[in-house]
Protein backbone atom coordinates (compact mmCIF):
# COMPACT_ATOMS: atom_id res chain seq x y z
CA MET A 1 -56.08 23.92 -18.37
CA ASP A 2 -58.99 24.54 -16.05
CA ARG A 3 -58.71 27.54 -13.74
CA LYS A 4 -59.35 25.38 -10.63
CA VAL A 5 -56.53 23.01 -11.58
CA LYS A 6 -54.08 25.91 -12.02
CA ARG A 7 -55.11 27.34 -8.67
CA TYR A 8 -54.71 23.92 -7.01
CA ILE A 9 -51.21 23.47 -8.52
CA LEU A 10 -50.13 26.95 -7.43
CA LEU A 11 -51.48 26.46 -3.91
CA SER A 12 -49.74 23.05 -3.63
CA PHE A 13 -46.47 24.57 -4.81
CA ILE A 14 -46.71 27.39 -2.24
CA ILE A 15 -47.43 24.93 0.58
CA ILE A 16 -44.47 22.71 -0.38
CA ILE A 17 -42.07 25.67 -0.58
CA THR A 18 -43.30 27.01 2.77
CA MET A 19 -42.88 23.64 4.51
CA ALA A 20 -39.42 23.10 3.02
CA SER A 21 -38.38 26.58 4.16
CA LEU A 22 -39.60 25.96 7.71
CA ILE A 23 -37.83 22.60 7.94
CA GLY A 24 -34.62 24.11 6.55
CA TYR A 25 -34.81 26.97 9.04
CA GLN A 26 -35.23 24.55 11.96
CA ILE A 27 -32.32 22.38 10.83
CA TRP A 28 -30.06 25.40 10.26
CA ASN A 29 -30.81 26.79 13.73
CA LYS A 30 -30.57 23.48 15.59
CA PRO A 31 -28.44 23.97 18.72
CA HIS A 32 -25.09 22.19 19.10
CA GLN A 33 -24.99 19.01 21.13
CA ASP A 34 -23.65 19.33 24.68
CA ILE A 35 -20.90 16.76 24.29
CA LYS A 36 -19.31 17.35 27.70
CA ASN A 37 -22.44 16.33 29.59
CA ALA A 38 -23.95 13.88 27.10
CA VAL A 39 -24.25 10.15 27.68
CA ALA A 40 -21.72 8.38 25.47
CA ALA A 41 -21.09 4.89 24.15
CA LYS A 42 -17.93 3.72 25.96
CA THR A 43 -15.12 1.79 24.33
CA ASN A 44 -11.36 1.75 24.01
CA ALA A 45 -9.26 2.93 21.08
CA VAL A 46 -8.29 -0.58 19.92
CA ALA A 47 -11.88 -1.88 19.96
CA LEU A 48 -13.27 1.21 18.23
CA TYR A 49 -10.62 1.06 15.51
CA ASN A 50 -11.12 -2.66 14.91
CA SER A 51 -14.90 -2.28 14.81
CA LEU A 52 -14.89 0.51 12.26
CA THR A 53 -12.18 -0.97 10.03
CA ASN A 54 -14.18 -4.18 9.70
CA ASP A 55 -16.89 -2.07 7.99
CA SER A 56 -19.74 -3.72 9.84
CA ALA A 57 -23.13 -2.09 9.29
CA ASN A 58 -23.97 -2.93 12.90
CA THR A 59 -20.93 -1.04 14.17
CA LYS A 60 -21.68 1.98 12.03
CA VAL A 61 -25.12 2.25 13.63
CA LEU A 62 -23.52 2.14 17.09
CA PHE A 63 -20.74 4.67 16.54
CA ILE A 64 -21.03 6.85 13.41
CA ASN A 65 -22.35 10.35 14.23
CA LYS A 66 -22.76 9.30 17.86
CA ILE A 67 -21.04 10.62 20.97
CA VAL A 68 -18.34 8.16 21.98
CA ALA A 69 -16.13 8.05 25.08
CA VAL A 70 -12.89 6.34 24.12
CA TRP A 71 -9.94 5.61 26.36
CA GLY A 72 -6.47 4.73 25.31
CA GLU A 73 -2.79 5.54 25.28
CA VAL A 74 -1.67 8.78 23.67
CA LYS A 75 0.50 8.17 20.64
CA GLN A 76 1.05 11.79 19.59
CA VAL A 77 -0.13 15.31 20.40
CA SER A 78 -0.08 18.03 17.72
CA LYS A 79 -1.96 21.05 16.33
CA ASN A 80 -3.95 21.17 13.10
CA GLN A 81 -4.18 24.07 10.63
CA GLN A 82 -6.95 25.67 12.70
CA ASN A 83 -4.60 25.57 15.73
CA GLN A 84 -6.77 22.95 17.46
CA GLN A 85 -5.08 20.30 19.56
CA VAL A 86 -5.18 16.85 17.94
CA ILE A 87 -4.55 13.76 20.05
CA LEU A 88 -3.80 10.43 18.39
CA LEU A 89 -4.62 7.33 20.42
CA LYS A 90 -2.73 4.09 19.80
CA THR A 91 -4.40 1.08 18.22
CA ASN A 92 -3.16 -2.42 17.44
CA VAL A 93 -2.31 -1.32 13.87
CA ARG A 94 1.15 0.23 13.50
CA ASP A 95 0.17 3.42 11.63
CA GLY A 96 -3.53 3.39 12.53
CA SER A 97 -4.86 5.78 15.17
CA VAL A 98 -7.98 7.18 16.72
CA ASN A 99 -7.64 10.84 15.72
CA CYS A 100 -9.32 13.17 18.25
CA THR A 101 -9.69 16.88 17.43
CA MET A 102 -10.12 18.71 20.72
CA GLU A 103 -12.48 21.58 21.52
CA GLU A 104 -10.32 22.57 24.49
CA ASN A 105 -6.58 22.08 24.80
CA ILE A 106 -5.36 19.66 27.45
CA LYS A 107 -2.26 20.98 29.17
CA ASN A 108 0.70 18.78 30.04
CA ILE A 109 -0.42 15.81 27.95
CA LYS A 110 2.24 13.73 26.23
CA ALA A 111 2.81 10.45 24.43
CA GLY A 112 2.35 7.49 26.74
CA ASP A 113 -0.35 9.12 28.91
CA ARG A 114 -3.65 7.24 29.29
CA VAL A 115 -6.72 9.39 28.68
CA LEU A 116 -10.49 9.19 28.32
CA LEU A 117 -11.80 11.46 25.56
CA LYS A 118 -15.38 12.10 24.52
CA GLY A 119 -16.41 13.34 21.08
CA ILE A 120 -18.50 12.71 17.98
CA CYS A 121 -17.29 9.76 15.93
CA ILE A 122 -17.41 10.67 12.24
CA GLY A 123 -16.02 7.37 11.00
CA TYR A 124 -13.03 5.65 9.51
CA ILE A 125 -11.05 7.05 6.61
CA GLY A 126 -8.94 4.38 4.99
CA GLY A 127 -5.30 4.77 4.20
CA ASP A 128 -3.50 3.59 1.09
CA SER A 129 -2.84 -0.14 0.83
CA ASP A 130 -0.37 0.38 -2.04
CA LEU A 131 1.75 2.63 0.17
CA GLN A 132 1.02 0.44 3.21
CA VAL A 133 -0.43 3.37 5.15
CA ALA A 134 -3.22 2.58 7.59
CA GLY A 135 -6.28 4.78 7.97
CA ASP A 136 -7.61 6.53 11.06
CA VAL A 137 -10.86 6.68 13.00
CA PHE A 138 -11.89 10.31 13.54
CA LEU A 139 -13.57 11.96 16.52
CA ILE A 140 -14.41 15.67 16.45
CA ARG A 141 -15.42 18.23 19.09
CA CYS A 142 -13.61 16.19 21.77
CA TYR A 143 -13.26 16.89 25.47
CA ARG A 144 -11.32 15.14 28.21
CA SER A 145 -13.73 13.03 30.19
CA THR A 146 -13.60 11.57 33.68
């Protein structure tokens, strides 16, 4: 191979590696979203659940990986393995819920309370139709909203 061609290939390879490293560094060090103060798509638990269980591509663009403010009735309050508060909001499906993992605990919250929560919607995870278990819609990094 010609010496100029080898030099060109080596230079191209170095440029590509350098650019990939810079992009990776910027993505890795990207600051967290300010969910508390961010503008959010507003909906209720029943509408969000129905939208995402219908598997519409349109709905996914509106909600998946977006900040969503969802209001609804509390079905259950618990803690996960990381000791984070998890609030389940009722839907129109018996075992289906909007599952909200909280960043900050809400004191004195119980089943039957109506709340507005804001978080990042990561999607719907289906249940098991053979066992007749419904899936849930999941929101992470949630805060109580006003």
